């Protein structure tokens, strides 16, 4: 199981040969050494990637890791920003040779292969975003996105994942993800895994959303039922 997780970590770092060809979401269904049915989902955007593994049937969270990536030849280089199972990896760089063949990608020299779920379409919010503020009681409260503590959300055309972490302390605070849709000013998330509260799996959250000066604003009810109005900024 540990070896599997480590290799999964590497898989996303390996996206690159033709970088845009890797953008989107990829998945792998596999079985753990204990016989658990697992799903691993990789989301890749320009410069950033994340992978998460969870039980297919229950949504029980297993692990997540990710960070920045770039390509040199056929070798992808990842700088780890968060790792739920191995925080000591934060700040390190790992590199792997990768391949892509039609709708399949993988790491050279391993049997691990991922099937493409989408290529960044049709979602209008594809990319990596950082939580940059909230609007409360009509007052905008902005936050510095250059600090070590971050809440990042990465979206493909159909998949989303948010991660809260600290690159300085190497602390992982939580994550959740699943599928999403955007239609008629509505942004809807359906949760497939949630590290803090597995009872939220299967729940759909509906928000009003808009893009204002390149920032993504959405408002609605959180998974706890609290009213929220958030501002997200594209990560550069």
Protein backbone atom coordinates (compact mmCIF):
# COMPACT_ATOMS: atom_id res chain seq x y z
CA UNK A 1 0.00 0.00 0.00
CA UNK A 2 2.77 2.46 0.95
CA UNK A 3 4.62 1.71 -2.26
CA UNK A 4 1.43 2.31 -4.20
CA UNK A 5 0.90 5.68 -2.56
CA UNK A 6 4.47 6.77 -3.24
CA UNK A 7 4.15 5.86 -6.87
CA UNK A 8 0.85 7.66 -7.11
CA UNK A 9 2.53 10.74 -5.74
CA UNK A 10 4.99 10.54 -8.51
CA UNK A 11 2.47 10.00 -11.20
CA UNK A 12 1.25 13.50 -11.29
CA UNK A 13 4.65 14.90 -11.00
CA UNK A 14 5.19 13.17 -14.22
CA UNK A 15 3.00 15.22 -16.43
CA UNK A 16 4.69 16.99 -19.09
CA UNK A 17 5.97 15.74 -22.42
CA UNK A 18 3.41 17.91 -24.13
CA UNK A 19 2.25 19.73 -21.05
CA UNK A 20 -1.18 20.68 -22.30
CA UNK A 21 -1.88 17.07 -23.19
CA UNK A 22 -1.69 16.19 -19.51
CA UNK A 23 -4.02 18.95 -18.33
CA UNK A 24 -7.34 17.66 -17.03
CA UNK A 25 -8.33 14.78 -14.77
CA UNK A 26 -7.16 11.15 -14.73
CA UNK A 27 -8.21 8.17 -12.66
CA UNK A 28 -7.05 4.70 -11.71
CA UNK A 29 -9.16 2.00 -10.05
CA UNK A 30 -7.10 -0.52 -8.12
CA UNK A 31 -7.08 -2.77 -5.07
CA UNK A 32 -5.02 -2.36 -1.90
CA UNK A 33 -3.00 -5.13 -0.27
CA UNK A 34 -5.91 -5.50 2.16
CA UNK A 35 -8.41 -5.99 -0.64
CA UNK A 36 -9.90 -2.47 -0.47
CA UNK A 37 -11.30 -1.11 -3.71
CA UNK A 38 -9.50 2.19 -4.27
CA UNK A 39 -9.77 5.07 -6.67
CA UNK A 40 -6.93 7.49 -7.35
CA UNK A 41 -7.73 10.74 -9.13
CA UNK A 42 -5.12 13.09 -10.54
CA UNK A 43 -5.96 16.69 -11.47
CA UNK A 44 -3.40 18.60 -13.53
CA UNK A 45 -3.33 22.26 -14.54
CA UNK A 46 -0.60 24.49 -15.90
CA UNK A 47 2.18 24.29 -13.31
CA UNK A 48 0.22 22.54 -10.55
CA UNK A 49 -1.07 19.05 -9.82
CA UNK A 50 -2.64 16.94 -7.09
CA UNK A 51 -3.49 13.28 -6.58
CA UNK A 52 -5.83 11.72 -4.04
CA UNK A 53 -6.67 8.14 -3.19
CA UNK A 54 -9.87 7.05 -1.46
CA UNK A 55 -12.07 3.98 -1.13
CA UNK A 56 -14.36 3.64 -4.13
CA UNK A 57 -17.42 2.39 -2.25
CA UNK A 58 -17.30 4.43 0.95
CA UNK A 59 -15.31 7.53 0.02
CA UNK A 60 -12.98 6.93 2.99
CA UNK A 61 -9.97 9.19 2.49
CA UNK A 62 -6.56 7.47 2.14
CA UNK A 63 -4.01 10.07 1.04
CA UNK A 64 -3.22 13.14 -1.03
CA UNK A 65 -0.12 14.96 -2.19
CA UNK A 66 0.91 17.45 -4.82
CA UNK A 67 2.61 20.70 -5.69
CA UNK A 68 4.24 22.39 -8.66
CA UNK A 69 5.58 20.63 -11.74
CA UNK A 70 7.43 21.31 -14.95
CA UNK A 71 8.85 19.27 -17.79
CA UNK A 72 12.38 18.89 -19.10
CA UNK A 73 12.40 16.59 -22.09
CA UNK A 74 10.44 13.52 -21.06
CA UNK A 75 11.19 14.05 -17.37
CA UNK A 76 8.69 15.72 -15.07
CA UNK A 77 9.96 17.49 -11.99
CA UNK A 78 7.68 18.06 -9.01
CA UNK A 79 8.29 20.19 -5.96
CA UNK A 80 6.16 18.75 -3.17
CA UNK A 81 4.02 21.32 -1.34
CA UNK A 82 1.86 18.95 0.71
CA UNK A 83 1.74 15.26 1.56
CA UNK A 84 -0.87 13.94 3.98
CA UNK A 85 1.05 10.73 4.74
CA UNK A 86 4.68 11.82 4.44
CA UNK A 87 5.05 15.49 5.47
CA UNK A 88 8.83 15.13 5.46
CA UNK A 89 8.63 15.17 1.65
CA UNK A 90 7.37 18.76 1.62
CA UNK A 91 9.94 21.03 -0.02
CA UNK A 92 11.73 18.19 -1.80
CA UNK A 93 11.91 17.65 -5.54
CA UNK A 94 11.18 14.36 -7.28
CA UNK A 95 11.53 13.54 -10.97
CA UNK A 96 10.20 10.77 -13.20
CA UNK A 97 10.09 9.88 -16.85
CA UNK A 98 6.55 9.80 -18.12
CA UNK A 99 4.56 8.82 -21.18
CA UNK A 100 1.18 9.62 -22.65
CA UNK A 101 -0.64 7.50 -25.23
CA UNK A 102 -4.05 8.62 -26.40
CA UNK A 103 -6.16 8.59 -23.22
CA UNK A 104 -3.61 6.78 -21.03
CA UNK A 105 -0.67 8.19 -19.09
CA UNK A 106 1.85 6.58 -16.79
CA UNK A 107 5.37 6.46 -15.38
CA UNK A 108 8.06 4.77 -17.42
CA UNK A 109 9.21 1.55 -15.77
CA UNK A 110 6.05 0.96 -13.73
CA UNK A 111 2.71 -0.74 -14.35
CA UNK A 112 0.72 2.23 -13.13
CA UNK A 113 -1.56 3.69 -15.78
CA UNK A 114 -4.23 6.35 -15.53
CA UNK A 115 -7.24 6.84 -17.79
CA UNK A 116 -8.19 10.34 -18.83
CA UNK A 117 -11.53 11.54 -17.45
CA UNK A 118 -11.57 14.97 -19.09
CA UNK A 119 -9.22 17.37 -20.83
CA UNK A 120 -10.20 20.55 -19.00
CA UNK A 121 -13.63 20.85 -20.61
CA UNK A 122 -16.42 21.79 -20.10
CA UNK A 123 -15.80 23.52 -16.75
CA UNK A 124 -15.24 27.26 -16.90
CA UNK A 125 -13.02 27.22 -13.79
CA UNK A 126 -10.27 24.85 -14.91
CA UNK A 127 -6.95 25.69 -13.23
CA UNK A 128 -5.38 26.26 -9.82
CA UNK A 129 -6.86 28.85 -7.46
CA UNK A 130 -5.88 30.23 -4.06
CA UNK A 131 -8.30 31.41 -1.41
CA UNK A 132 -7.72 35.17 -1.38
CA UNK A 133 -10.55 36.56 0.71
CA UNK A 134 -14.08 36.54 2.02
CA UNK A 135 -16.98 38.95 1.97
CA UNK A 136 -18.66 39.15 5.37
CA UNK A 137 -21.47 41.52 6.31
CA UNK A 138 -20.82 43.38 3.08
CA UNK A 139 -17.13 43.92 3.92
CA UNK A 140 -14.38 42.42 1.79
CA UNK A 141 -11.61 40.80 3.82
CA UNK A 142 -8.58 39.95 1.69
CA UNK A 143 -5.74 37.61 2.65
CA UNK A 144 -2.14 37.35 1.50
CA UNK A 145 -1.76 34.41 -0.88
CA UNK A 146 2.05 34.53 -0.90
CA UNK A 147 2.42 33.14 2.63
CA UNK A 148 3.24 29.59 3.66
CA UNK A 149 -0.32 28.78 4.72
CA UNK A 150 -2.52 28.19 1.71
CA UNK A 151 -5.91 26.91 0.72
CA UNK A 152 -5.69 25.83 -2.89
CA UNK A 153 -8.41 24.49 -5.13
CA UNK A 154 -7.56 22.71 -8.39
CA UNK A 155 -10.20 22.03 -11.02
CA UNK A 156 -10.25 20.16 -14.30
CA UNK A 157 -13.27 20.28 -16.56
CA UNK A 158 -15.34 18.05 -14.28
CA UNK A 159 -13.32 17.40 -11.10
CA UNK A 160 -12.34 19.59 -8.15
CA UNK A 161 -10.18 19.28 -5.05
CA UNK A 162 -9.31 21.76 -2.32
CA UNK A 163 -6.33 21.38 0.00
CA UNK A 164 -5.37 23.37 3.12
CA UNK A 165 -1.71 23.18 4.06
CA UNK A 166 1.39 25.03 5.27
CA UNK A 167 4.62 24.74 3.28
CA UNK A 168 6.72 26.10 6.15
CA UNK A 169 5.53 23.80 8.94
CA UNK A 170 4.76 20.99 6.42
CA UNK A 171 1.34 20.64 8.04
CA UNK A 172 -1.57 19.17 6.11
CA UNK A 173 -4.88 20.54 7.43
CA UNK A 174 -7.50 18.90 5.27
CA UNK A 175 -8.88 18.21 1.82
CA UNK A 176 -11.99 17.27 -0.07
CA UNK A 177 -12.98 16.68 -3.66
CA UNK A 178 -15.29 15.20 -6.22
CA UNK A 179 -17.15 16.38 -9.29
CA UNK A 180 -18.51 19.80 -10.18
CA UNK A 181 -20.63 21.58 -12.77
CA UNK A 182 -21.05 25.21 -13.84
CA UNK A 183 -24.29 26.30 -15.47
CA UNK A 184 -26.29 29.54 -15.58
CA UNK A 185 -24.24 31.22 -12.87
CA UNK A 186 -24.48 28.18 -10.59
CA UNK A 187 -21.49 26.20 -9.34
CA UNK A 188 -22.33 22.78 -7.85
CA UNK A 189 -19.91 20.44 -6.09
CA UNK A 190 -20.69 16.79 -5.33
CA UNK A 191 -18.37 15.42 -2.66
CA UNK A 192 -16.68 12.04 -3.23
CA UNK A 193 -14.17 12.26 -0.36
CA UNK A 194 -13.64 14.55 2.62
CA UNK A 195 -10.73 13.99 4.98
CA UNK A 196 -12.36 15.72 7.95
CA UNK A 197 -15.87 14.28 7.82
CA UNK A 198 -16.72 11.21 5.78
CA UNK A 199 -20.44 11.76 6.45
CA UNK A 200 -20.34 14.55 3.84
CA UNK A 201 -19.60 12.08 1.03
CA UNK A 202 -22.39 12.16 -1.54
CA UNK A 203 -23.57 15.61 -0.53
CA UNK A 204 -24.01 18.33 -3.17
CA UNK A 205 -23.23 21.97 -2.44
CA UNK A 206 -24.78 24.69 -4.59
CA UNK A 207 -23.31 28.16 -5.03
CA UNK A 208 -23.87 31.28 -7.05
CA UNK A 209 -20.64 32.12 -8.84
CA UNK A 210 -19.12 34.81 -11.03
CA UNK A 211 -15.76 35.88 -12.40
CA UNK A 212 -14.95 39.48 -11.42
CA UNK A 213 -11.69 41.00 -12.69
CA UNK A 214 -10.32 37.49 -13.10
CA UNK A 215 -11.25 36.49 -9.55
CA UNK A 216 -13.72 33.73 -8.82
CA UNK A 217 -16.41 34.69 -6.33
CA UNK A 218 -18.98 32.29 -5.02
CA UNK A 219 -21.61 32.36 -2.30
CA UNK A 220 -23.80 29.76 -0.70
CA UNK A 221 -23.75 27.29 2.18
CA UNK A 222 -20.64 25.37 3.27
CA UNK A 223 -20.62 21.64 4.07
CA UNK A 224 -21.38 22.66 7.67
CA UNK A 225 -24.39 24.70 6.58
CA UNK A 226 -22.72 28.07 7.22
CA UNK A 227 -23.27 30.96 4.83
CA UNK A 228 -20.07 31.76 2.95
CA UNK A 229 -18.98 34.22 0.28
CA UNK A 230 -15.46 33.49 -0.89
CA UNK A 231 -12.97 35.04 -3.29
CA UNK A 232 -10.45 32.87 -5.14
CA UNK A 233 -7.53 34.13 -7.22
CA UNK A 234 -5.85 32.28 -10.08
CA UNK A 235 -2.52 30.91 -8.94
CA UNK A 236 0.32 32.08 -11.15
